[in-house]
Amino acid sequence: MGARERARPSNGLHSTLDAVDRTILHELRRDGRTSNQALADAAGVAPSTCLLRVRELRRRGILRGVHADVDLARVGRPLQAIIAVRMRAHVKEQVQAFRSQAPALPGVLALFHVSGKDDYLLHVAVADADALRAFVVDHLTGHPAVGHTETSLVFEHLPGTADLLG
């Protein structure tokens, strides 16, 4: 499946989710550690039914995983930044090399391929301003595909709370 197919807003999956599936997904988004019993209670189904529903949501690729919310400051990475990256030229091999290497760079929390004047946004967490400067110099400005970077500090990060399934 290509990126264009994945990005399509209406791919038919939403219409195949019933109220039970939506409740399960909503509860797991709220707290990924929610027990099967609590999920079943919230969805109004038996625990065995709930377990089957969760397995089916995984099998269909709708539920891709459950993630930990780590306090970055408490693990020595209190400074977050969004770094806009503009490619020097859109040479396929160089762009693919950057795209495959960037998510594994130290401190990278997420990589976004975006439209507009920039090509990518990197969300990074580092120890301090010196580490941020070193990250940009060592991993971005020296990369043959990168033509320009612009760094913005993150002062506050609030996760979204909107119901995406309603």
N, C-alpha and C. Protein backbone atom coordinates (compact mmCIF):
# COMPACT_ATOMS: atom_id res chain seq x y z
N MET A 1 0.86 -1.18 0.00
CA MET A 1 0.00 0.00 0.00
C MET A 1 0.90 1.23 0.00
N GLY A 2 0.67 2.16 -0.90
CA GLY A 2 1.47 3.36 -1.01
C GLY A 2 1.04 4.43 -0.02
N ALA A 3 1.88 5.47 0.09
CA ALA A 3 1.60 6.56 1.04
C ALA A 3 0.29 7.26 0.68
N ARG A 4 0.01 7.39 -0.59
CA ARG A 4 -1.21 8.07 -1.01
C ARG A 4 -2.44 7.29 -0.52
N GLU A 5 -2.40 5.96 -0.58
CA GLU A 5 -3.53 5.16 -0.10
C GLU A 5 -3.68 5.27 1.41
N ARG A 6 -2.57 5.27 2.15
CA ARG A 6 -2.63 5.37 3.60
C ARG A 6 -3.17 6.72 4.06
N ALA A 7 -2.88 7.76 3.29
CA ALA A 7 -3.28 9.11 3.70
C ALA A 7 -4.73 9.42 3.34
N ARG A 8 -5.35 8.60 2.53
CA ARG A 8 -6.72 8.85 2.10
C ARG A 8 -7.65 8.93 3.31
N PRO A 9 -8.41 10.02 3.46
CA PRO A 9 -9.22 10.19 4.66
C PRO A 9 -10.33 9.17 4.82
N SER A 10 -10.91 8.71 3.75
CA SER A 10 -12.00 7.76 3.88
C SER A 10 -11.62 6.49 3.15
N ASN A 11 -11.19 5.49 3.92
CA ASN A 11 -10.76 4.24 3.30
C ASN A 11 -11.70 3.09 3.62
N GLY A 12 -12.88 3.40 4.14
CA GLY A 12 -13.85 2.36 4.41
C GLY A 12 -13.72 1.72 5.77
N LEU A 13 -12.59 1.88 6.45
CA LEU A 13 -12.42 1.25 7.75
C LEU A 13 -13.33 1.86 8.80
N HIS A 14 -13.49 3.18 8.75
CA HIS A 14 -14.32 3.85 9.76
C HIS A 14 -15.73 3.29 9.75
N SER A 15 -16.25 3.04 8.57
CA SER A 15 -17.63 2.57 8.50
C SER A 15 -17.77 1.13 9.00
N THR A 16 -16.67 0.39 9.10
CA THR A 16 -16.75 -0.98 9.58
C THR A 16 -16.59 -1.07 11.09
N LEU A 17 -16.39 0.04 11.75
CA LEU A 17 -16.27 0.05 13.21
C LEU A 17 -17.64 0.28 13.81
N ASP A 18 -18.07 -0.63 14.67
CA ASP A 18 -19.34 -0.42 15.34
C ASP A 18 -19.09 0.27 16.69
N ALA A 19 -20.15 0.47 17.45
CA ALA A 19 -20.05 1.19 18.72
C ALA A 19 -19.13 0.48 19.70
N VAL A 20 -19.12 -0.84 19.70
CA VAL A 20 -18.24 -1.59 20.60
C VAL A 20 -16.78 -1.34 20.24
N ASP A 21 -16.44 -1.45 18.95
CA ASP A 21 -15.07 -1.20 18.50
C ASP A 21 -14.64 0.23 18.85
N ARG A 22 -15.51 1.18 18.61
CA ARG A 22 -15.18 2.58 18.89
C ARG A 22 -14.94 2.79 20.38
N THR A 23 -15.74 2.18 21.21
CA THR A 23 -15.55 2.31 22.66
C THR A 23 -14.23 1.70 23.09
N ILE A 24 -13.92 0.53 22.57
CA ILE A 24 -12.64 -0.13 22.90
C ILE A 24 -11.47 0.76 22.50
N LEU A 25 -11.51 1.29 21.28
CA LEU A 25 -10.42 2.15 20.80
C LEU A 25 -10.33 3.44 21.62
N HIS A 26 -11.47 4.02 21.95
CA HIS A 26 -11.48 5.24 22.75
C HIS A 26 -10.83 4.98 24.12
N GLU A 27 -11.21 3.91 24.76
CA GLU A 27 -10.67 3.59 26.09
C GLU A 27 -9.18 3.29 26.02
N LEU A 28 -8.74 2.60 25.00
CA LEU A 28 -7.31 2.29 24.87
C LEU A 28 -6.50 3.54 24.53
N ARG A 29 -7.06 4.48 23.77
CA ARG A 29 -6.37 5.74 23.52
C ARG A 29 -6.23 6.54 24.81
N ARG A 30 -7.25 6.48 25.64
CA ARG A 30 -7.24 7.21 26.91
C ARG A 30 -6.21 6.60 27.87
N ASP A 31 -6.17 5.27 27.93
CA ASP A 31 -5.22 4.57 28.80
C ASP A 31 -4.95 3.20 28.21
N GLY A 32 -3.79 3.07 27.61
CA GLY A 32 -3.42 1.82 26.95
C GLY A 32 -3.27 0.63 27.89
N ARG A 33 -3.22 0.89 29.19
CA ARG A 33 -3.10 -0.20 30.16
C ARG A 33 -4.45 -0.67 30.68
N THR A 34 -5.53 -0.16 30.14
CA THR A 34 -6.86 -0.55 30.59
C THR A 34 -7.00 -2.07 30.48
N SER A 35 -7.48 -2.68 31.53
CA SER A 35 -7.63 -4.14 31.54
C SER A 35 -8.75 -4.57 30.59
N ASN A 36 -8.68 -5.82 30.18
CA ASN A 36 -9.73 -6.36 29.32
C ASN A 36 -11.09 -6.28 30.02
N GLN A 37 -11.12 -6.54 31.33
CA GLN A 37 -12.38 -6.47 32.06
C GLN A 37 -12.96 -5.05 32.02
N ALA A 38 -12.10 -4.05 32.23
CA ALA A 38 -12.57 -2.66 32.20
C ALA A 38 -13.03 -2.27 30.79
N LEU A 39 -12.31 -2.74 29.77
CA LEU A 39 -12.73 -2.48 28.39
C LEU A 39 -14.10 -3.10 28.12
N ALA A 40 -14.25 -4.36 28.56
CA ALA A 40 -15.52 -5.05 28.36
C ALA A 40 -16.66 -4.32 29.05
N ASP A 41 -16.41 -3.88 30.29
CA ASP A 41 -17.44 -3.15 31.03
C ASP A 41 -17.82 -1.87 30.31
N ALA A 42 -16.83 -1.13 29.83
CA ALA A 42 -17.10 0.14 29.14
C ALA A 42 -17.88 -0.09 27.84
N ALA A 43 -17.56 -1.20 27.15
CA ALA A 43 -18.20 -1.48 25.87
C ALA A 43 -19.51 -2.24 26.03
N GLY A 44 -19.77 -2.74 27.23
CA GLY A 44 -21.01 -3.46 27.47
C GLY A 44 -21.04 -4.85 26.85
N VAL A 45 -19.88 -5.50 26.82
CA VAL A 45 -19.80 -6.86 26.27
C VAL A 45 -19.08 -7.77 27.26
N ALA A 46 -19.14 -9.06 27.02
CA ALA A 46 -18.44 -10.03 27.85
C ALA A 46 -16.94 -9.90 27.65
N PRO A 47 -16.14 -10.19 28.67
CA PRO A 47 -14.67 -10.12 28.52
C PRO A 47 -14.15 -10.96 27.36
N SER A 48 -14.73 -12.13 27.13
CA SER A 48 -14.27 -12.97 26.02
C SER A 48 -14.55 -12.30 24.67
N THR A 49 -15.70 -11.65 24.55
CA THR A 49 -16.04 -10.92 23.34
C THR A 49 -15.08 -9.75 23.14
N CYS A 50 -14.79 -9.06 24.23
CA CYS A 50 -13.89 -7.91 24.16
C CYS A 50 -12.50 -8.35 23.69
N LEU A 51 -12.01 -9.45 24.24
CA LEU A 51 -10.70 -9.95 23.86
C LEU A 51 -10.67 -10.28 22.37
N LEU A 52 -11.73 -10.91 21.88
CA LEU A 52 -11.81 -11.21 20.45
C LEU A 52 -11.85 -9.94 19.61
N ARG A 53 -12.56 -8.93 20.07
CA ARG A 53 -12.64 -7.65 19.35
C ARG A 53 -11.27 -6.98 19.28
N VAL A 54 -10.54 -6.97 20.40
CA VAL A 54 -9.21 -6.36 20.42
C VAL A 54 -8.28 -7.11 19.47
N ARG A 55 -8.32 -8.42 19.50
CA ARG A 55 -7.49 -9.22 18.58
C ARG A 55 -7.83 -8.92 17.12
N GLU A 56 -9.12 -8.77 16.82
CA GLU A 56 -9.54 -8.47 15.46
C GLU A 56 -9.10 -7.07 15.04
N LEU A 57 -9.17 -6.11 15.95
CA LEU A 57 -8.71 -4.75 15.66
C LEU A 57 -7.21 -4.76 15.36
N ARG A 58 -6.46 -5.59 16.07
CA ARG A 58 -5.02 -5.74 15.79
C ARG A 58 -4.79 -6.40 14.44
N ARG A 59 -5.52 -7.48 14.19
CA ARG A 59 -5.35 -8.22 12.94
C ARG A 59 -5.62 -7.33 11.74
N ARG A 60 -6.61 -6.46 11.83
CA ARG A 60 -6.98 -5.56 10.74
C ARG A 60 -6.05 -4.36 10.62
N GLY A 61 -5.13 -4.20 11.56
CA GLY A 61 -4.19 -3.09 11.51
C GLY A 61 -4.76 -1.78 12.01
N ILE A 62 -5.94 -1.83 12.63
CA ILE A 62 -6.55 -0.62 13.17
C ILE A 62 -5.90 -0.27 14.50
N LEU A 63 -5.69 -1.26 15.33
CA LEU A 63 -4.99 -1.08 16.60
C LEU A 63 -3.56 -1.55 16.36
N ARG A 64 -2.65 -0.58 16.24
CA ARG A 64 -1.28 -0.89 15.86
C ARG A 64 -0.35 -1.09 17.04
N GLY A 65 -0.75 -0.62 18.22
CA GLY A 65 0.12 -0.79 19.37
C GLY A 65 -0.35 0.08 20.51
N VAL A 66 0.28 -0.09 21.64
CA VAL A 66 0.03 0.70 22.83
C VAL A 66 1.38 1.26 23.25
N HIS A 67 1.42 2.54 23.57
CA HIS A 67 2.70 3.21 23.79
C HIS A 67 2.78 3.81 25.18
N ALA A 68 4.00 3.85 25.70
CA ALA A 68 4.24 4.44 27.01
C ALA A 68 4.39 5.96 26.89
N ASP A 69 3.89 6.67 27.87
CA ASP A 69 4.07 8.12 27.95
C ASP A 69 5.20 8.36 28.94
N VAL A 70 6.38 8.68 28.43
CA VAL A 70 7.59 8.82 29.24
C VAL A 70 7.82 10.29 29.57
N ASP A 71 8.10 10.58 30.83
CA ASP A 71 8.46 11.93 31.24
C ASP A 71 9.90 12.16 30.79
N LEU A 72 10.06 12.88 29.69
CA LEU A 72 11.37 13.05 29.08
C LEU A 72 12.35 13.78 29.99
N ALA A 73 11.87 14.73 30.78
CA ALA A 73 12.75 15.45 31.70
C ALA A 73 13.35 14.50 32.73
N ARG A 74 12.56 13.54 33.19
CA ARG A 74 13.02 12.61 34.22
C ARG A 74 13.99 11.56 33.69
N VAL A 75 14.10 11.45 32.38
CA VAL A 75 15.08 10.52 31.81
C VAL A 75 16.23 11.29 31.15
N GLY A 76 16.40 12.56 31.54
CA GLY A 76 17.55 13.33 31.09
C GLY A 76 17.41 14.03 29.76
N ARG A 77 16.19 14.19 29.26
CA ARG A 77 15.97 14.86 27.98
C ARG A 77 14.87 15.91 28.11
N PRO A 78 15.14 16.95 28.90
CA PRO A 78 14.10 17.94 29.18
C PRO A 78 13.83 18.95 28.06
N LEU A 79 14.76 19.07 27.12
CA LEU A 79 14.61 20.06 26.06
C LEU A 79 14.08 19.39 24.79
N GLN A 80 12.89 19.84 24.36
CA GLN A 80 12.31 19.32 23.13
C GLN A 80 12.34 20.41 22.06
N ALA A 81 12.43 19.97 20.82
CA ALA A 81 12.44 20.90 19.70
C ALA A 81 11.77 20.26 18.50
N ILE A 82 11.27 21.11 17.63
CA ILE A 82 10.79 20.69 16.32
C ILE A 82 11.77 21.28 15.32
N ILE A 83 12.36 20.43 14.52
CA ILE A 83 13.35 20.88 13.55
C ILE A 83 12.79 20.69 12.14
N ALA A 84 12.61 21.79 11.44
CA ALA A 84 12.15 21.75 10.05
C ALA A 84 13.36 21.47 9.17
N VAL A 85 13.21 20.54 8.26
CA VAL A 85 14.30 20.14 7.37
C VAL A 85 13.84 20.29 5.93
N ARG A 86 14.67 20.99 5.17
CA ARG A 86 14.40 21.17 3.74
C ARG A 86 15.51 20.43 2.98
N MET A 87 15.11 19.60 2.04
CA MET A 87 16.08 18.85 1.25
C MET A 87 16.82 19.78 0.29
N ARG A 88 18.07 19.45 0.06
CA ARG A 88 18.90 20.21 -0.88
C ARG A 88 18.35 20.02 -2.30
N ALA A 89 18.10 18.79 -2.64
CA ALA A 89 17.50 18.41 -3.92
C ALA A 89 16.71 17.14 -3.65
N HIS A 90 15.73 16.89 -4.44
CA HIS A 90 14.90 15.71 -4.19
C HIS A 90 15.40 14.52 -5.01
N VAL A 91 16.65 14.16 -4.71
CA VAL A 91 17.27 13.00 -5.33
C VAL A 91 16.78 11.78 -4.55
N LYS A 92 16.14 10.87 -5.25
CA LYS A 92 15.45 9.75 -4.61
C LYS A 92 16.33 9.00 -3.60
N GLU A 93 17.53 8.66 -3.97
CA GLU A 93 18.41 7.88 -3.09
C GLU A 93 18.76 8.66 -1.82
N GLN A 94 19.04 9.95 -1.96
CA GLN A 94 19.39 10.76 -0.79
C GLN A 94 18.19 10.95 0.13
N VAL A 95 17.03 11.21 -0.44
CA VAL A 95 15.82 11.39 0.36
C VAL A 95 15.49 10.09 1.09
N GLN A 96 15.59 8.97 0.39
CA GLN A 96 15.31 7.68 1.03
C GLN A 96 16.32 7.39 2.14
N ALA A 97 17.56 7.76 1.93
CA ALA A 97 18.58 7.54 2.96
C ALA A 97 18.26 8.38 4.20
N PHE A 98 17.88 9.65 3.98
CA PHE A 98 17.53 10.51 5.11
C PHE A 98 16.31 9.95 5.83
N ARG A 99 15.29 9.59 5.07
CA ARG A 99 14.04 9.07 5.64
C ARG A 99 14.27 7.80 6.45
N SER A 100 15.16 6.95 6.02
CA SER A 100 15.41 5.70 6.75
C SER A 100 16.32 5.91 7.96
N GLN A 101 17.22 6.89 7.89
CA GLN A 101 18.17 7.13 8.99
C GLN A 101 17.60 8.01 10.09
N ALA A 102 16.84 9.02 9.73
CA ALA A 102 16.39 10.03 10.70
C ALA A 102 15.62 9.47 11.89
N PRO A 103 14.68 8.54 11.73
CA PRO A 103 13.94 8.06 12.91
C PRO A 103 14.83 7.37 13.95
N ALA A 104 15.98 6.87 13.53
CA ALA A 104 16.88 6.16 14.45
C ALA A 104 17.94 7.06 15.07
N LEU A 105 17.96 8.34 14.72
CA LEU A 105 18.95 9.24 15.29
C LEU A 105 18.68 9.43 16.78
N PRO A 106 19.72 9.64 17.58
CA PRO A 106 19.53 9.77 19.03
C PRO A 106 18.64 10.97 19.37
N GLY A 107 17.58 10.70 20.12
CA GLY A 107 16.69 11.76 20.57
C GLY A 107 15.49 12.02 19.68
N VAL A 108 15.41 11.37 18.52
CA VAL A 108 14.27 11.60 17.63
C VAL A 108 13.04 10.88 18.18
N LEU A 109 11.99 11.64 18.43
CA LEU A 109 10.73 11.09 18.91
C LEU A 109 9.79 10.78 17.75
N ALA A 110 9.84 11.60 16.70
CA ALA A 110 8.97 11.40 15.55
C ALA A 110 9.55 12.12 14.34
N LEU A 111 9.23 11.59 13.19
CA LEU A 111 9.60 12.20 11.91
C LEU A 111 8.31 12.36 11.11
N PHE A 112 8.07 13.57 10.62
CA PHE A 112 6.88 13.85 9.82
C PHE A 112 7.32 14.29 8.44
N HIS A 113 6.78 13.68 7.40
CA HIS A 113 6.98 14.13 6.03
C HIS A 113 5.82 15.08 5.75
N VAL A 114 6.12 16.34 5.42
CA VAL A 114 5.09 17.37 5.34
C VAL A 114 5.11 18.08 3.99
N SER A 115 4.05 18.82 3.74
CA SER A 115 4.00 19.66 2.54
C SER A 115 4.41 21.07 2.92
N GLY A 116 4.60 21.91 1.93
CA GLY A 116 4.99 23.29 2.19
C GLY A 116 6.45 23.50 1.88
N LYS A 117 7.03 24.57 2.43
CA LYS A 117 8.42 24.90 2.10
C LYS A 117 9.41 23.90 2.69
N ASP A 118 9.03 23.23 3.78
CA ASP A 118 9.90 22.23 4.38
C ASP A 118 9.44 20.84 3.96
N ASP A 119 10.36 19.90 4.02
CA ASP A 119 10.05 18.54 3.62
C ASP A 119 9.76 17.62 4.80
N TYR A 120 10.47 17.85 5.90
CA TYR A 120 10.31 17.01 7.08
C TYR A 120 10.31 17.86 8.34
N LEU A 121 9.63 17.36 9.37
CA LEU A 121 9.71 17.92 10.71
C LEU A 121 10.18 16.79 11.62
N LEU A 122 11.19 17.08 12.42
CA LEU A 122 11.67 16.12 13.40
C LEU A 122 11.31 16.64 14.78
N HIS A 123 10.73 15.79 15.59
CA HIS A 123 10.46 16.11 16.99
C HIS A 123 11.56 15.41 17.77
N VAL A 124 12.37 16.21 18.46
CA VAL A 124 13.51 15.64 19.19
C VAL A 124 13.46 16.03 20.66
N ALA A 125 14.11 15.21 21.49
CA ALA A 125 14.27 15.50 22.91
C ALA A 125 15.74 15.30 23.24
N VAL A 126 16.34 16.31 23.86
CA VAL A 126 17.77 16.28 24.16
C VAL A 126 18.02 16.79 25.58
N ALA A 127 19.25 16.67 26.03
CA ALA A 127 19.61 17.06 27.40
C ALA A 127 19.64 18.56 27.61
N ASP A 128 20.14 19.31 26.62
CA ASP A 128 20.30 20.75 26.79
C ASP A 128 20.56 21.41 25.44
N ALA A 129 20.77 22.72 25.46
CA ALA A 129 20.98 23.48 24.22
C ALA A 129 22.22 23.02 23.48
N ASP A 130 23.28 22.67 24.21
CA ASP A 130 24.50 22.18 23.55
C ASP A 130 24.22 20.87 22.81
N ALA A 131 23.44 20.00 23.43
CA ALA A 131 23.10 18.73 22.78
C ALA A 131 22.23 18.96 21.55
N LEU A 132 21.36 19.95 21.62
CA LEU A 132 20.51 20.27 20.46
C LEU A 132 21.37 20.79 19.31
N ARG A 133 22.28 21.71 19.62
CA ARG A 133 23.19 22.23 18.59
C ARG A 133 24.00 21.10 17.98
N ALA A 134 24.53 20.22 18.82
CA ALA A 134 25.33 19.10 18.33
C ALA A 134 24.49 18.17 17.45
N PHE A 135 23.25 17.94 17.84
CA PHE A 135 22.36 17.09 17.03
C PHE A 135 22.19 17.68 15.64
N VAL A 136 21.89 18.97 15.57
CA VAL A 136 21.67 19.62 14.27
C VAL A 136 22.94 19.58 13.43
N VAL A 137 24.06 19.92 14.03
CA VAL A 137 25.33 19.96 13.29
C VAL A 137 25.78 18.57 12.88
N ASP A 138 25.75 17.64 13.82
CA ASP A 138 26.29 16.29 13.55
C ASP A 138 25.40 15.44 12.64
N HIS A 139 24.09 15.59 12.78
CA HIS A 139 23.20 14.67 12.08
C HIS A 139 22.41 15.29 10.93
N LEU A 140 22.25 16.59 10.93
CA LEU A 140 21.40 17.20 9.90
C LEU A 140 22.19 18.02 8.90
N THR A 141 22.88 19.05 9.35
CA THR A 141 23.55 19.94 8.39
C THR A 141 24.66 19.23 7.63
N GLY A 142 25.19 18.17 8.20
CA GLY A 142 26.23 17.41 7.50
C GLY A 142 25.69 16.34 6.57
N HIS A 143 24.39 16.09 6.61
CA HIS A 143 23.80 15.06 5.75
C HIS A 143 23.74 15.58 4.32
N PRO A 144 24.17 14.79 3.34
CA PRO A 144 24.22 15.28 1.96
C PRO A 144 22.86 15.68 1.38
N ALA A 145 21.77 15.16 1.92
CA ALA A 145 20.45 15.48 1.37
C ALA A 145 19.87 16.76 1.97
N VAL A 146 20.41 17.20 3.11
CA VAL A 146 19.82 18.33 3.83
C VAL A 146 20.40 19.66 3.34
N GLY A 147 19.50 20.55 2.95
CA GLY A 147 19.92 21.86 2.48
C GLY A 147 19.71 22.96 3.50
N HIS A 148 18.72 22.79 4.40
CA HIS A 148 18.39 23.86 5.34
C HIS A 148 17.65 23.26 6.54
N THR A 149 17.94 23.81 7.71
CA THR A 149 17.19 23.43 8.90
C THR A 149 16.75 24.68 9.65
N GLU A 150 15.67 24.55 10.37
CA GLU A 150 15.19 25.63 11.23
C GLU A 150 14.63 24.98 12.49
N THR A 151 15.15 25.42 13.63
CA THR A 151 14.81 24.78 14.90
C THR A 151 13.89 25.67 15.73
N SER A 152 12.83 25.06 16.24
CA SER A 152 11.91 25.75 17.15
C SER A 152 11.87 24.97 18.46
N LEU A 153 12.03 25.66 19.57
CA LEU A 153 11.94 25.01 20.87
C LEU A 153 10.49 24.75 21.22
N VAL A 154 10.25 23.64 21.90
CA VAL A 154 8.92 23.29 22.37
C VAL A 154 8.84 23.74 23.83
N PHE A 155 7.98 24.69 24.12
CA PHE A 155 7.82 25.17 25.50
C PHE A 155 6.84 24.30 26.27
N GLU A 156 5.84 23.77 25.57
CA GLU A 156 4.84 22.94 26.21
C GLU A 156 4.24 22.00 25.18
N HIS A 157 3.98 20.79 25.59
CA HIS A 157 3.37 19.79 24.70
C HIS A 157 2.15 19.21 25.41
N LEU A 158 0.99 19.42 24.82
CA LEU A 158 -0.25 18.90 25.37
C LEU A 158 -0.84 17.90 24.38
N PRO A 159 -1.06 16.68 24.81
CA PRO A 159 -1.63 15.70 23.87
C PRO A 159 -3.08 16.05 23.55
N GLY A 160 -3.51 15.72 22.36
CA GLY A 160 -4.89 15.95 21.96
C GLY A 160 -5.84 15.05 22.73
N THR A 161 -7.02 15.56 22.97
CA THR A 161 -8.02 14.80 23.70
C THR A 161 -9.30 14.57 22.89
N ALA A 162 -9.29 14.99 21.64
CA ALA A 162 -10.49 14.88 20.82
C ALA A 162 -10.84 13.41 20.57
N ASP A 163 -12.12 13.13 20.51
CA ASP A 163 -12.60 11.79 20.16
C ASP A 163 -12.48 11.65 18.65
N LEU A 164 -11.54 10.85 18.20
CA LEU A 164 -11.29 10.70 16.77
C LEU A 164 -12.25 9.73 16.11
N LEU A 165 -13.03 9.04 16.89
CA LEU A 165 -13.88 7.99 16.33
C LEU A 165 -15.36 8.34 16.32
N GLY A 166 -15.69 9.50 16.87
CA GLY A 166 -17.10 9.87 16.99
C GLY A 166 -17.70 10.44 15.76
